[in-house]
Amino acid sequence: MKHRVVFAVMISLILTFFMSAWVTFLNVGIIENFFELWMHAWFLAWPAAGIISFVCAPRLHSLAHQLINMNQNE
């Protein structure tokens, strides 16, 4: 369980950090308060992504195994 929590925190942190930067850049460009807007978006996205990662990661991990095994049997 510890591994699952740590993984969810880490993957959600990294993904939301870079994705929020990218989406903020696409929406407003590089402006004077870009960093503040980016950090605000990241602050809002990280908790949601953490919960989604924690809930969905085990199922997606199993699905990935099934897909790989299905392709190896062909």
N, C-alpha and C. Protein backbone atom coordinates (compact mmCIF):
# COMPACT_ATOMS: atom_id res chain seq x y z
N MET A 1 0.82 -1.20 0.00
CA MET A 1 0.00 0.00 0.00
C MET A 1 0.87 1.26 0.00
N LYS A 2 1.98 1.24 0.74
CA LYS A 2 2.86 2.41 0.77
C LYS A 2 3.37 2.72 -0.63
N HIS A 3 3.76 1.66 -1.34
CA HIS A 3 4.27 1.84 -2.70
C HIS A 3 3.21 2.50 -3.59
N ARG A 4 1.98 2.06 -3.46
CA ARG A 4 0.89 2.60 -4.27
C ARG A 4 0.68 4.08 -3.99
N VAL A 5 0.73 4.47 -2.74
CA VAL A 5 0.55 5.88 -2.36
C VAL A 5 1.71 6.72 -2.87
N VAL A 6 2.93 6.25 -2.64
CA VAL A 6 4.12 7.00 -3.08
C VAL A 6 4.13 7.13 -4.60
N PHE A 7 3.81 6.05 -5.30
CA PHE A 7 3.77 6.10 -6.75
C PHE A 7 2.72 7.10 -7.24
N ALA A 8 1.54 7.09 -6.66
CA ALA A 8 0.48 8.02 -7.06
C ALA A 8 0.90 9.46 -6.84
N VAL A 9 1.55 9.73 -5.72
CA VAL A 9 2.02 11.09 -5.43
C VAL A 9 3.07 11.52 -6.46
N MET A 10 4.03 10.63 -6.71
CA MET A 10 5.13 10.98 -7.62
C MET A 10 4.66 11.15 -9.06
N ILE A 11 3.88 10.21 -9.57
CA ILE A 11 3.46 10.30 -10.97
C ILE A 11 2.52 11.48 -11.18
N SER A 12 1.65 11.74 -10.22
CA SER A 12 0.75 12.88 -10.37
C SER A 12 1.51 14.20 -10.27
N LEU A 13 2.51 14.26 -9.41
CA LEU A 13 3.32 15.47 -9.28
C LEU A 13 4.01 15.79 -10.59
N ILE A 14 4.70 14.82 -11.16
CA ILE A 14 5.46 15.04 -12.39
C ILE A 14 4.54 15.37 -13.57
N LEU A 15 3.49 14.58 -13.74
CA LEU A 15 2.59 14.81 -14.87
C LEU A 15 1.89 16.16 -14.79
N THR A 16 1.35 16.49 -13.63
CA THR A 16 0.64 17.76 -13.52
C THR A 16 1.58 18.95 -13.59
N PHE A 17 2.80 18.79 -13.09
CA PHE A 17 3.77 19.88 -13.15
C PHE A 17 4.02 20.29 -14.60
N PHE A 18 4.34 19.31 -15.43
CA PHE A 18 4.66 19.63 -16.83
C PHE A 18 3.41 19.91 -17.67
N MET A 19 2.34 19.18 -17.44
CA MET A 19 1.13 19.41 -18.22
C MET A 19 0.51 20.77 -17.91
N SER A 20 0.52 21.17 -16.64
CA SER A 20 -0.03 22.49 -16.31
C SER A 20 0.82 23.60 -16.91
N ALA A 21 2.13 23.40 -16.97
CA ALA A 21 3.00 24.40 -17.62
C ALA A 21 2.65 24.51 -19.10
N TRP A 22 2.50 23.37 -19.75
CA TRP A 22 2.20 23.35 -21.18
C TRP A 22 0.84 23.99 -21.48
N VAL A 23 -0.18 23.60 -20.74
CA VAL A 23 -1.52 24.13 -20.99
C VAL A 23 -1.58 25.62 -20.65
N THR A 24 -0.91 26.04 -19.59
CA THR A 24 -0.87 27.47 -19.26
C THR A 24 -0.18 28.24 -20.37
N PHE A 25 0.92 27.71 -20.87
CA PHE A 25 1.63 28.35 -21.98
C PHE A 25 0.74 28.46 -23.21
N LEU A 26 0.03 27.38 -23.55
CA LEU A 26 -0.84 27.40 -24.72
C LEU A 26 -1.98 28.41 -24.56
N ASN A 27 -2.47 28.55 -23.34
CA ASN A 27 -3.60 29.45 -23.10
C ASN A 27 -3.21 30.92 -23.04
N VAL A 28 -2.07 31.24 -22.42
CA VAL A 28 -1.74 32.65 -22.20
C VAL A 28 -0.40 33.06 -22.78
N GLY A 29 0.43 32.10 -23.17
CA GLY A 29 1.77 32.44 -23.65
C GLY A 29 2.66 32.82 -22.48
N ILE A 30 3.84 33.29 -22.81
CA ILE A 30 4.77 33.74 -21.76
C ILE A 30 4.44 35.20 -21.47
N ILE A 31 3.78 35.40 -20.35
CA ILE A 31 3.42 36.75 -19.92
C ILE A 31 4.05 37.01 -18.56
N GLU A 32 3.87 38.22 -18.09
CA GLU A 32 4.52 38.64 -16.85
C GLU A 32 4.20 37.74 -15.66
N ASN A 33 2.95 37.33 -15.51
CA ASN A 33 2.57 36.52 -14.35
C ASN A 33 2.38 35.04 -14.73
N PHE A 34 3.11 34.59 -15.75
CA PHE A 34 3.02 33.20 -16.19
C PHE A 34 3.27 32.23 -15.05
N PHE A 35 4.33 32.47 -14.30
CA PHE A 35 4.69 31.55 -13.21
C PHE A 35 3.57 31.43 -12.18
N GLU A 36 2.96 32.53 -11.81
CA GLU A 36 1.87 32.50 -10.84
C GLU A 36 0.66 31.74 -11.39
N LEU A 37 0.33 31.98 -12.65
CA LEU A 37 -0.78 31.26 -13.27
C LEU A 37 -0.49 29.76 -13.35
N TRP A 38 0.74 29.44 -13.72
CA TRP A 38 1.15 28.04 -13.82
C TRP A 38 1.05 27.35 -12.45
N MET A 39 1.60 27.98 -11.42
CA MET A 39 1.58 27.38 -10.09
C MET A 39 0.15 27.23 -9.57
N HIS A 40 -0.71 28.17 -9.90
CA HIS A 40 -2.12 28.07 -9.51
C HIS A 40 -2.77 26.85 -10.18
N ALA A 41 -2.52 26.70 -11.48
CA ALA A 41 -3.08 25.56 -12.22
C ALA A 41 -2.52 24.25 -11.66
N TRP A 42 -1.24 24.23 -11.37
CA TRP A 42 -0.62 23.02 -10.83
C TRP A 42 -1.17 22.68 -9.45
N PHE A 43 -1.34 23.69 -8.62
CA PHE A 43 -1.88 23.49 -7.27
C PHE A 43 -3.28 22.89 -7.32
N LEU A 44 -4.08 23.30 -8.31
CA LEU A 44 -5.43 22.76 -8.44
C LEU A 44 -5.43 21.37 -9.06
N ALA A 45 -4.51 21.10 -9.97
CA ALA A 45 -4.51 19.83 -10.70
C ALA A 45 -3.90 18.69 -9.88
N TRP A 46 -2.91 18.96 -9.08
CA TRP A 46 -2.17 17.89 -8.42
C TRP A 46 -3.04 17.01 -7.51
N PRO A 47 -3.87 17.57 -6.63
CA PRO A 47 -4.68 16.69 -5.78
C PRO A 47 -5.63 15.79 -6.58
N ALA A 48 -6.25 16.35 -7.60
CA ALA A 48 -7.16 15.54 -8.42
C ALA A 48 -6.40 14.43 -9.12
N ALA A 49 -5.25 14.75 -9.69
CA ALA A 49 -4.45 13.75 -10.38
C ALA A 49 -3.93 12.69 -9.41
N GLY A 50 -3.60 13.09 -8.20
CA GLY A 50 -3.14 12.13 -7.20
C GLY A 50 -4.21 11.10 -6.87
N ILE A 51 -5.42 11.58 -6.68
CA ILE A 51 -6.53 10.67 -6.38
C ILE A 51 -6.83 9.77 -7.58
N ILE A 52 -6.86 10.35 -8.76
CA ILE A 52 -7.10 9.56 -9.97
C ILE A 52 -6.01 8.51 -10.16
N SER A 53 -4.76 8.89 -9.94
CA SER A 53 -3.64 7.94 -10.07
C SER A 53 -3.77 6.80 -9.06
N PHE A 54 -4.11 7.15 -7.84
CA PHE A 54 -4.23 6.14 -6.79
C PHE A 54 -5.34 5.14 -7.12
N VAL A 55 -6.46 5.64 -7.62
CA VAL A 55 -7.61 4.79 -7.90
C VAL A 55 -7.40 3.98 -9.19
N CYS A 56 -6.90 4.61 -10.23
CA CYS A 56 -6.85 3.98 -11.55
C CYS A 56 -5.58 3.18 -11.84
N ALA A 57 -4.48 3.50 -11.20
CA ALA A 57 -3.21 2.86 -11.54
C ALA A 57 -3.24 1.34 -11.43
N PRO A 58 -3.80 0.75 -10.38
CA PRO A 58 -3.79 -0.72 -10.31
C PRO A 58 -4.58 -1.37 -11.46
N ARG A 59 -5.70 -0.79 -11.81
CA ARG A 59 -6.50 -1.35 -12.91
C ARG A 59 -5.77 -1.19 -14.24
N LEU A 60 -5.14 -0.04 -14.44
CA LEU A 60 -4.40 0.18 -15.68
C LEU A 60 -3.17 -0.71 -15.75
N HIS A 61 -2.54 -0.94 -14.62
CA HIS A 61 -1.40 -1.85 -14.57
C HIS A 61 -1.83 -3.26 -15.00
N SER A 62 -2.96 -3.72 -14.48
CA SER A 62 -3.49 -5.03 -14.86
C SER A 62 -3.85 -5.07 -16.34
N LEU A 63 -4.46 -4.02 -16.84
CA LEU A 63 -4.83 -3.96 -18.24
C LEU A 63 -3.59 -4.00 -19.13
N ALA A 64 -2.55 -3.29 -18.74
CA ALA A 64 -1.30 -3.31 -19.51
C ALA A 64 -0.73 -4.73 -19.57
N HIS A 65 -0.75 -5.44 -18.45
CA HIS A 65 -0.29 -6.83 -18.44
C HIS A 65 -1.12 -7.69 -19.37
N GLN A 66 -2.43 -7.51 -19.35
CA GLN A 66 -3.32 -8.29 -20.22
C GLN A 66 -3.04 -8.00 -21.69
N LEU A 67 -2.83 -6.75 -22.03
CA LEU A 67 -2.55 -6.39 -23.41
C LEU A 67 -1.22 -6.97 -23.88
N ILE A 68 -0.22 -6.91 -23.03
CA ILE A 68 1.10 -7.46 -23.39
C ILE A 68 0.99 -8.97 -23.55
N ASN A 69 0.32 -9.64 -22.63
CA ASN A 69 0.16 -11.09 -22.71
C ASN A 69 -0.64 -11.48 -23.95
N MET A 70 -1.65 -10.70 -24.30
CA MET A 70 -2.47 -10.99 -25.46
C MET A 70 -1.63 -10.91 -26.74
N ASN A 71 -0.76 -9.90 -26.81
CA ASN A 71 0.10 -9.73 -27.98
C ASN A 71 1.18 -10.81 -28.05
N GLN A 72 1.63 -11.31 -26.92
CA GLN A 72 2.66 -12.35 -26.92
C GLN A 72 2.08 -13.69 -27.35
N ASN A 73 0.79 -13.90 -27.16
CA ASN A 73 0.16 -15.16 -27.53
C ASN A 73 -0.15 -15.25 -29.00
N GLU A 74 -0.06 -14.16 -29.72
CA GLU A 74 -0.39 -14.19 -31.16
C GLU A 74 0.77 -14.67 -31.98
